[in-house]
Amino acid sequence: MKEFIWLIPALPFAGAFVLVVTGARLPKRLVPIIGAGSVGGSALVTFLLGIEFISTHATIFKQTVWQWLNVA
């Protein structure tokens, strides 16, 4: 499940992108579903990752996404 940590910031960003690009053309009932659904999905992923973290009794969780600056 740790490989899905990238979804936490990506889901709200994708929801915002969809609303910005197609917001005026979407039905009024669909706009809050996309907005709240993307944030809710991110919260669900966070909750599931938290449960996994607690159940494995881990003390450190580290995931390198990219290296910004390489110092020797």
PDB file of N, CA and C in Angstrom:
ATOM      1  N   MET A   1       0.823  -1.200   0.000  1.00  0.00           N
ATOM      2  CA  MET A   1       0.000   0.000   0.000  1.00  0.00           C
ATOM      3  C   MET A   1       0.860   1.254   0.000  1.00  0.00           C
ATOM      4  N   LYS A   2       2.106   1.135   0.426  1.00  0.00           N
ATOM      5  CA  LYS A   2       2.965   2.314   0.490  1.00  0.00           C
ATOM      6  C   LYS A   2       3.227   2.915  -0.883  1.00  0.00           C
ATOM      7  N   GLU A   3       3.091   2.103  -1.916  1.00  0.00           N
ATOM      8  CA  GLU A   3       3.347   2.627  -3.260  1.00  0.00           C
ATOM      9  C   GLU A   3       2.248   3.574  -3.735  1.00  0.00           C
ATOM     10  N   PHE A   4       1.144   3.682  -2.993  1.00  0.00           N
ATOM     11  CA  PHE A   4       0.053   4.581  -3.359  1.00  0.00           C
ATOM     12  C   PHE A   4       0.106   5.909  -2.612  1.00  0.00           C
ATOM     13  N   ILE A   5       1.204   6.205  -1.940  1.00  0.00           N
ATOM     14  CA  ILE A   5       1.304   7.447  -1.179  1.00  0.00           C
ATOM     15  C   ILE A   5       1.236   8.667  -2.099  1.00  0.00           C
ATOM     16  N   TRP A   6       1.614   8.502  -3.348  1.00  0.00           N
ATOM     17  CA  TRP A   6       1.575   9.615  -4.291  1.00  0.00           C
ATOM     18  C   TRP A   6       0.149  10.074  -4.578  1.00  0.00           C
ATOM     19  N   LEU A   7      -0.840   9.229  -4.278  1.00  0.00           N
ATOM     20  CA  LEU A   7      -2.232   9.602  -4.513  1.00  0.00           C
ATOM     21  C   LEU A   7      -2.732  10.686  -3.561  1.00  0.00           C
ATOM     22  N   ILE A   8      -2.084  10.832  -2.411  1.00  0.00           N
ATOM     23  CA  ILE A   8      -2.562  11.794  -1.417  1.00  0.00           C
ATOM     24  C   ILE A   8      -2.577  13.219  -1.987  1.00  0.00           C
ATOM     25  N   PRO A   9      -1.503  13.713  -2.577  1.00  0.00           N
ATOM     26  CA  PRO A   9      -1.612  15.050  -3.189  1.00  0.00           C
ATOM     27  C   PRO A   9      -2.185  15.016  -4.616  1.00  0.00           C
ATOM     28  N   ALA A  10      -2.086  13.870  -5.297  1.00  0.00           N
ATOM     29  CA  ALA A  10      -2.497  13.817  -6.700  1.00  0.00           C
ATOM     30  C   ALA A  10      -4.014  13.849  -6.878  1.00  0.00           C
ATOM     31  N   LEU A  11      -4.765  13.232  -5.988  1.00  0.00           N
ATOM     32  CA  LEU A  11      -6.222  13.207  -6.140  1.00  0.00           C
ATOM     33  C   LEU A  11      -6.853  14.597  -6.050  1.00  0.00           C
ATOM     34  N   PRO A  12      -6.545  15.401  -5.019  1.00  0.00           N
ATOM     35  CA  PRO A  12      -7.112  16.758  -5.018  1.00  0.00           C
ATOM     36  C   PRO A  12      -6.629  17.612  -6.190  1.00  0.00           C
ATOM     37  N   PHE A  13      -5.376  17.428  -6.588  1.00  0.00           N
ATOM     38  CA  PHE A  13      -4.882  18.177  -7.739  1.00  0.00           C
ATOM     39  C   PHE A  13      -5.644  17.787  -9.003  1.00  0.00           C
ATOM     40  N   ALA A  14      -5.874  16.505  -9.196  1.00  0.00           N
ATOM     41  CA  ALA A  14      -6.615  16.048 -10.373  1.00  0.00           C
ATOM     42  C   ALA A  14      -8.060  16.547 -10.333  1.00  0.00           C
ATOM     43  N   GLY A  15      -8.675  16.529  -9.163  1.00  0.00           N
ATOM     44  CA  GLY A  15     -10.041  17.044  -9.046  1.00  0.00           C
ATOM     45  C   GLY A  15     -10.121  18.525  -9.356  1.00  0.00           C
ATOM     46  N   ALA A  16      -9.154  19.292  -8.849  1.00  0.00           N
ATOM     47  CA  ALA A  16      -9.121  20.727  -9.136  1.00  0.00           C
ATOM     48  C   ALA A  16      -8.881  20.966 -10.619  1.00  0.00           C
ATOM     49  N   PHE A  17      -8.013  20.182 -11.223  1.00  0.00           N
ATOM     50  CA  PHE A  17      -7.730  20.335 -12.645  1.00  0.00           C
ATOM     51  C   PHE A  17      -8.981  20.067 -13.478  1.00  0.00           C
ATOM     52  N   VAL A  18      -9.700  19.007 -13.146  1.00  0.00           N
ATOM     53  CA  VAL A  18     -10.930  18.679 -13.881  1.00  0.00           C
ATOM     54  C   VAL A  18     -11.948  19.797 -13.726  1.00  0.00           C
ATOM     55  N   LEU A  19     -12.077  20.346 -12.520  1.00  0.00           N
ATOM     56  CA  LEU A  19     -13.053  21.406 -12.297  1.00  0.00           C
ATOM     57  C   LEU A  19     -12.666  22.697 -12.998  1.00  0.00           C
ATOM     58  N   VAL A  20     -11.385  23.002 -13.057  1.00  0.00           N
ATOM     59  CA  VAL A  20     -10.948  24.220 -13.742  1.00  0.00           C
ATOM     60  C   VAL A  20     -11.146  24.088 -15.249  1.00  0.00           C
ATOM     61  N   VAL A  21     -10.802  22.930 -15.786  1.00  0.00           N
ATOM     62  CA  VAL A  21     -10.870  22.751 -17.235  1.00  0.00           C
ATOM     63  C   VAL A  21     -12.311  22.598 -17.721  1.00  0.00           C
ATOM     64  N   THR A  22     -13.128  21.834 -17.006  1.00  0.00           N
ATOM     65  CA  THR A  22     -14.473  21.528 -17.493  1.00  0.00           C
ATOM     66  C   THR A  22     -15.570  21.985 -16.547  1.00  0.00           C
ATOM     67  N   GLY A  23     -15.261  22.842 -15.599  1.00  0.00           N
ATOM     68  CA  GLY A  23     -16.230  23.209 -14.572  1.00  0.00           C
ATOM     69  C   GLY A  23     -17.510  23.826 -15.087  1.00  0.00           C
ATOM     70  N   ALA A  24     -17.425  24.691 -16.077  1.00  0.00           N
ATOM     71  CA  ALA A  24     -18.623  25.371 -16.577  1.00  0.00           C
ATOM     72  C   ALA A  24     -19.502  24.440 -17.407  1.00  0.00           C
ATOM     73  N   ARG A  25     -18.920  23.399 -17.973  1.00  0.00           N
ATOM     74  CA  ARG A  25     -19.690  22.490 -18.826  1.00  0.00           C
ATOM     75  C   ARG A  25     -20.255  21.292 -18.064  1.00  0.00           C
ATOM     76  N   LEU A  26     -19.842  21.120 -16.817  1.00  0.00           N
ATOM     77  CA  LEU A  26     -20.324  19.982 -16.029  1.00  0.00           C
ATOM     78  C   LEU A  26     -21.696  20.285 -15.432  1.00  0.00           C
ATOM     79  N   PRO A  27     -22.506  19.259 -15.219  1.00  0.00           N
ATOM     80  CA  PRO A  27     -23.773  19.470 -14.517  1.00  0.00           C
ATOM     81  C   PRO A  27     -23.524  19.944 -13.081  1.00  0.00           C
ATOM     82  N   LYS A  28     -24.421  20.766 -12.578  1.00  0.00           N
ATOM     83  CA  LYS A  28     -24.231  21.353 -11.240  1.00  0.00           C
ATOM     84  C   LYS A  28     -24.164  20.299 -10.138  1.00  0.00           C
ATOM     85  N   ARG A  29     -24.771  19.162 -10.341  1.00  0.00           N
ATOM     86  CA  ARG A  29     -24.729  18.102  -9.321  1.00  0.00           C
ATOM     87  C   ARG A  29     -23.388  17.374  -9.310  1.00  0.00           C
ATOM     88  N   LEU A  30     -22.659  17.412 -10.418  1.00  0.00           N
ATOM     89  CA  LEU A  30     -21.401  16.687 -10.527  1.00  0.00           C
ATOM     90  C   LEU A  30     -20.215  17.460  -9.946  1.00  0.00           C
ATOM     91  N   VAL A  31     -20.290  18.775  -9.931  1.00  0.00           N
ATOM     92  CA  VAL A  31     -19.174  19.603  -9.457  1.00  0.00           C
ATOM     93  C   VAL A  31     -18.830  19.312  -7.987  1.00  0.00           C
ATOM     94  N   PRO A  32     -19.795  19.323  -7.059  1.00  0.00           N
ATOM     95  CA  PRO A  32     -19.419  19.009  -5.668  1.00  0.00           C
ATOM     96  C   PRO A  32     -18.992  17.562  -5.466  1.00  0.00           C
ATOM     97  N   ILE A  33     -19.480  16.667  -6.295  1.00  0.00           N
ATOM     98  CA  ILE A  33     -19.065  15.266  -6.182  1.00  0.00           C
ATOM     99  C   ILE A  33     -17.596  15.129  -6.545  1.00  0.00           C
ATOM    100  N   ILE A  34     -17.176  15.804  -7.603  1.00  0.00           N
ATOM    101  CA  ILE A  34     -15.765  15.757  -7.995  1.00  0.00           C
ATOM    102  C   ILE A  34     -14.901  16.455  -6.951  1.00  0.00           C
ATOM    103  N   GLY A  35     -15.325  17.627  -6.496  1.00  0.00           N
ATOM    104  CA  GLY A  35     -14.537  18.375  -5.518  1.00  0.00           C
ATOM    105  C   GLY A  35     -14.381  17.642  -4.194  1.00  0.00           C
ATOM    106  N   ALA A  36     -15.497  17.237  -3.625  1.00  0.00           N
ATOM    107  CA  ALA A  36     -15.439  16.534  -2.344  1.00  0.00           C
ATOM    108  C   ALA A  36     -14.924  15.113  -2.506  1.00  0.00           C
ATOM    109  N   GLY A  37     -15.218  14.499  -3.635  1.00  0.00           N
ATOM    110  CA  GLY A  37     -14.762  13.129  -3.864  1.00  0.00           C
ATOM    111  C   GLY A  37     -13.256  13.019  -3.975  1.00  0.00           C
ATOM    112  N   SER A  38     -12.629  14.007  -4.603  1.00  0.00           N
ATOM    113  CA  SER A  38     -11.174  13.958  -4.724  1.00  0.00           C
ATOM    114  C   SER A  38     -10.504  14.145  -3.365  1.00  0.00           C
ATOM    115  N   VAL A  39     -11.028  15.041  -2.560  1.00  0.00           N
ATOM    116  CA  VAL A  39     -10.473  15.239  -1.220  1.00  0.00           C
ATOM    117  C   VAL A  39     -10.802  14.040  -0.326  1.00  0.00           C
ATOM    118  N   GLY A  40     -12.003  13.516  -0.458  1.00  0.00           N
ATOM    119  CA  GLY A  40     -12.379  12.329   0.307  1.00  0.00           C
ATOM    120  C   GLY A  40     -11.557  11.110  -0.067  1.00  0.00           C
ATOM    121  N   GLY A  41     -11.260  10.955  -1.337  1.00  0.00           N
ATOM    122  CA  GLY A  41     -10.393   9.861  -1.774  1.00  0.00           C
ATOM    123  C   GLY A  41      -8.998   9.984  -1.199  1.00  0.00           C
ATOM    124  N   SER A  42      -8.503  11.211  -1.168  1.00  0.00           N
ATOM    125  CA  SER A  42      -7.193  11.455  -0.574  1.00  0.00           C
ATOM    126  C   SER A  42      -7.209  11.141   0.925  1.00  0.00           C
ATOM    127  N   ALA A  43      -8.284  11.518   1.599  1.00  0.00           N
ATOM    128  CA  ALA A  43      -8.404  11.208   3.025  1.00  0.00           C
ATOM    129  C   ALA A  43      -8.491   9.703   3.257  1.00  0.00           C
ATOM    130  N   LEU A  44      -9.189   8.995   2.378  1.00  0.00           N
ATOM    131  CA  LEU A  44      -9.299   7.544   2.505  1.00  0.00           C
ATOM    132  C   LEU A  44      -7.947   6.868   2.324  1.00  0.00           C
ATOM    133  N   VAL A  45      -7.168   7.300   1.336  1.00  0.00           N
ATOM    134  CA  VAL A  45      -5.829   6.747   1.132  1.00  0.00           C
ATOM    135  C   VAL A  45      -4.952   7.034   2.346  1.00  0.00           C
ATOM    136  N   THR A  46      -5.046   8.253   2.884  1.00  0.00           N
ATOM    137  CA  THR A  46      -4.276   8.605   4.079  1.00  0.00           C
ATOM    138  C   THR A  46      -4.662   7.723   5.257  1.00  0.00           C
ATOM    139  N   PHE A  47      -5.954   7.490   5.439  1.00  0.00           N
ATOM    140  CA  PHE A  47      -6.431   6.646   6.537  1.00  0.00           C
ATOM    141  C   PHE A  47      -5.929   5.212   6.386  1.00  0.00           C
ATOM    142  N   LEU A  48      -6.014   4.668   5.178  1.00  0.00           N
ATOM    143  CA  LEU A  48      -5.550   3.295   4.954  1.00  0.00           C
ATOM    144  C   LEU A  48      -4.040   3.164   5.145  1.00  0.00           C
ATOM    145  N   LEU A  49      -3.292   4.157   4.687  1.00  0.00           N
ATOM    146  CA  LEU A  49      -1.845   4.132   4.910  1.00  0.00           C
ATOM    147  C   LEU A  49      -1.505   4.274   6.394  1.00  0.00           C
ATOM    148  N   GLY A  50      -2.281   5.067   7.111  1.00  0.00           N
ATOM    149  CA  GLY A  50      -2.071   5.189   8.547  1.00  0.00           C
ATOM    150  C   GLY A  50      -2.331   3.887   9.283  1.00  0.00           C
ATOM    151  N   ILE A  51      -3.385   3.184   8.886  1.00  0.00           N
ATOM    152  CA  ILE A  51      -3.673   1.884   9.497  1.00  0.00           C
ATOM    153  C   ILE A  51      -2.543   0.900   9.217  1.00  0.00           C
ATOM    154  N   GLU A  52      -2.049   0.896   7.980  1.00  0.00           N
ATOM    155  CA  GLU A  52      -0.941  -0.001   7.650  1.00  0.00           C
ATOM    156  C   GLU A  52       0.307   0.361   8.447  1.00  0.00           C
ATOM    157  N   PHE A  53       0.572   1.648   8.589  1.00  0.00           N
ATOM    158  CA  PHE A  53       1.750   2.095   9.333  1.00  0.00           C
ATOM    159  C   PHE A  53       1.664   1.667  10.797  1.00  0.00           C
ATOM    160  N   ILE A  54       0.504   1.824  11.400  1.00  0.00           N
ATOM    161  CA  ILE A  54       0.331   1.458  12.813  1.00  0.00           C
ATOM    162  C   ILE A  54       0.371  -0.058  12.988  1.00  0.00           C
ATOM    163  N   SER A  55      -0.224  -0.798  12.069  1.00  0.00           N
ATOM    164  CA  SER A  55      -0.288  -2.250  12.224  1.00  0.00           C
ATOM    165  C   SER A  55       1.065  -2.920  12.022  1.00  0.00           C
ATOM    166  N   THR A  56       1.979  -2.290  11.296  1.00  0.00           N
ATOM    167  CA  THR A  56       3.299  -2.887  11.096  1.00  0.00           C
ATOM    168  C   THR A  56       4.279  -2.488  12.196  1.00  0.00           C
ATOM    169  N   HIS A  57       3.862  -1.665  13.126  1.00  0.00           N
ATOM    170  CA  HIS A  57       4.690  -1.194  14.235  1.00  0.00           C
ATOM    171  C   HIS A  57       5.975  -0.541  13.725  1.00  0.00           C
ATOM    172  N   ALA A  58       5.867   0.165  12.647  1.00  0.00           N
ATOM    173  CA  ALA A  58       7.025   0.849  12.072  1.00  0.00           C
ATOM    174  C   ALA A  58       7.317   2.123  12.856  1.00  0.00           C
ATOM    175  N   THR A  59       8.579   2.432  12.980  1.00  0.00           N
ATOM    176  CA  THR A  59       8.954   3.676  13.644  1.00  0.00           C
ATOM    177  C   THR A  59       9.376   4.739  12.635  1.00  0.00           C
ATOM    178  N   ILE A  60       9.794   4.307  11.458  1.00  0.00           N
ATOM    179  CA  ILE A  60      10.237   5.241  10.430  1.00  0.00           C
ATOM    180  C   ILE A  60       9.622   4.827   9.106  1.00  0.00           C
ATOM    181  N   PHE A  61       9.131   5.790   8.395  1.00  0.00           N
ATOM    182  CA  PHE A  61       8.630   5.552   7.038  1.00  0.00           C
ATOM    183  C   PHE A  61       9.287   6.575   6.134  1.00  0.00           C
ATOM    184  N   LYS A  62      10.001   6.113   5.135  1.00  0.00           N
ATOM    185  CA  LYS A  62      10.717   7.003   4.241  1.00  0.00           C
ATOM    186  C   LYS A  62      10.467   6.581   2.805  1.00  0.00           C
ATOM    187  N   GLN A  63      10.115   7.561   1.980  1.00  0.00           N
ATOM    188  CA  GLN A  63       9.953   7.309   0.556  1.00  0.00           C
ATOM    189  C   GLN A  63      10.544   8.503  -0.187  1.00  0.00           C
ATOM    190  N   THR A  64      11.554   8.249  -0.974  1.00  0.00           N
ATOM    191  CA  THR A  64      12.183   9.299  -1.755  1.00  0.00           C
ATOM    192  C   THR A  64      11.469   9.391  -3.090  1.00  0.00           C
ATOM    193  N   VAL A  65      10.870  10.526  -3.346  1.00  0.00           N
ATOM    194  CA  VAL A  65      10.139  10.721  -4.592  1.00  0.00           C
ATOM    195  C   VAL A  65      11.073  11.270  -5.664  1.00  0.00           C
ATOM    196  N   TRP A  66      11.884  12.239  -5.309  1.00  0.00           N
ATOM    197  CA  TRP A  66      12.900  12.756  -6.210  1.00  0.00           C
ATOM    198  C   TRP A  66      14.003  13.394  -5.364  1.00  0.00           C
ATOM    199  N   GLN A  67      15.125  13.593  -5.963  1.00  0.00           N
ATOM    200  CA  GLN A  67      16.239  14.218  -5.269  1.00  0.00           C
ATOM    201  C   GLN A  67      16.383  15.629  -5.832  1.00  0.00           C
ATOM    202  N   TRP A  68      16.158  16.611  -4.972  1.00  0.00           N
ATOM    203  CA  TRP A  68      16.144  17.990  -5.397  1.00  0.00           C
ATOM    204  C   TRP A  68      17.549  18.527  -5.623  1.00  0.00           C
ATOM    205  N   LEU A  69      18.449  18.220  -4.704  1.00  0.00           N
ATOM    206  CA  LEU A  69      19.804  18.746  -4.770  1.00  0.00           C
ATOM    207  C   LEU A  69      20.774  17.659  -4.311  1.00  0.00           C
ATOM    208  N   ASN A  70      21.791  17.393  -5.089  1.00  0.00           N
ATOM    209  CA  ASN A  70      22.772  16.363  -4.756  1.00  0.00           C
ATOM    210  C   ASN A  70      24.013  17.050  -4.212  1.00  0.00           C
ATOM    211  N   VAL A  71      24.288  16.832  -2.953  1.00  0.00           N
ATOM    212  CA  VAL A  71      25.474  17.407  -2.307  1.00  0.00           C
ATOM    213  C   VAL A  71      26.407  16.268  -1.935  1.00  0.00           C
ATOM    214  N   ALA A  72      27.658  16.400  -2.329  1.00  0.00           N
ATOM    215  CA  ALA A  72      28.619  15.329  -2.104  1.00  0.00           C
ATOM    216  C   ALA A  72      28.933  15.099  -0.659  1.00  0.00           C
TER     217      ALA A  72
END
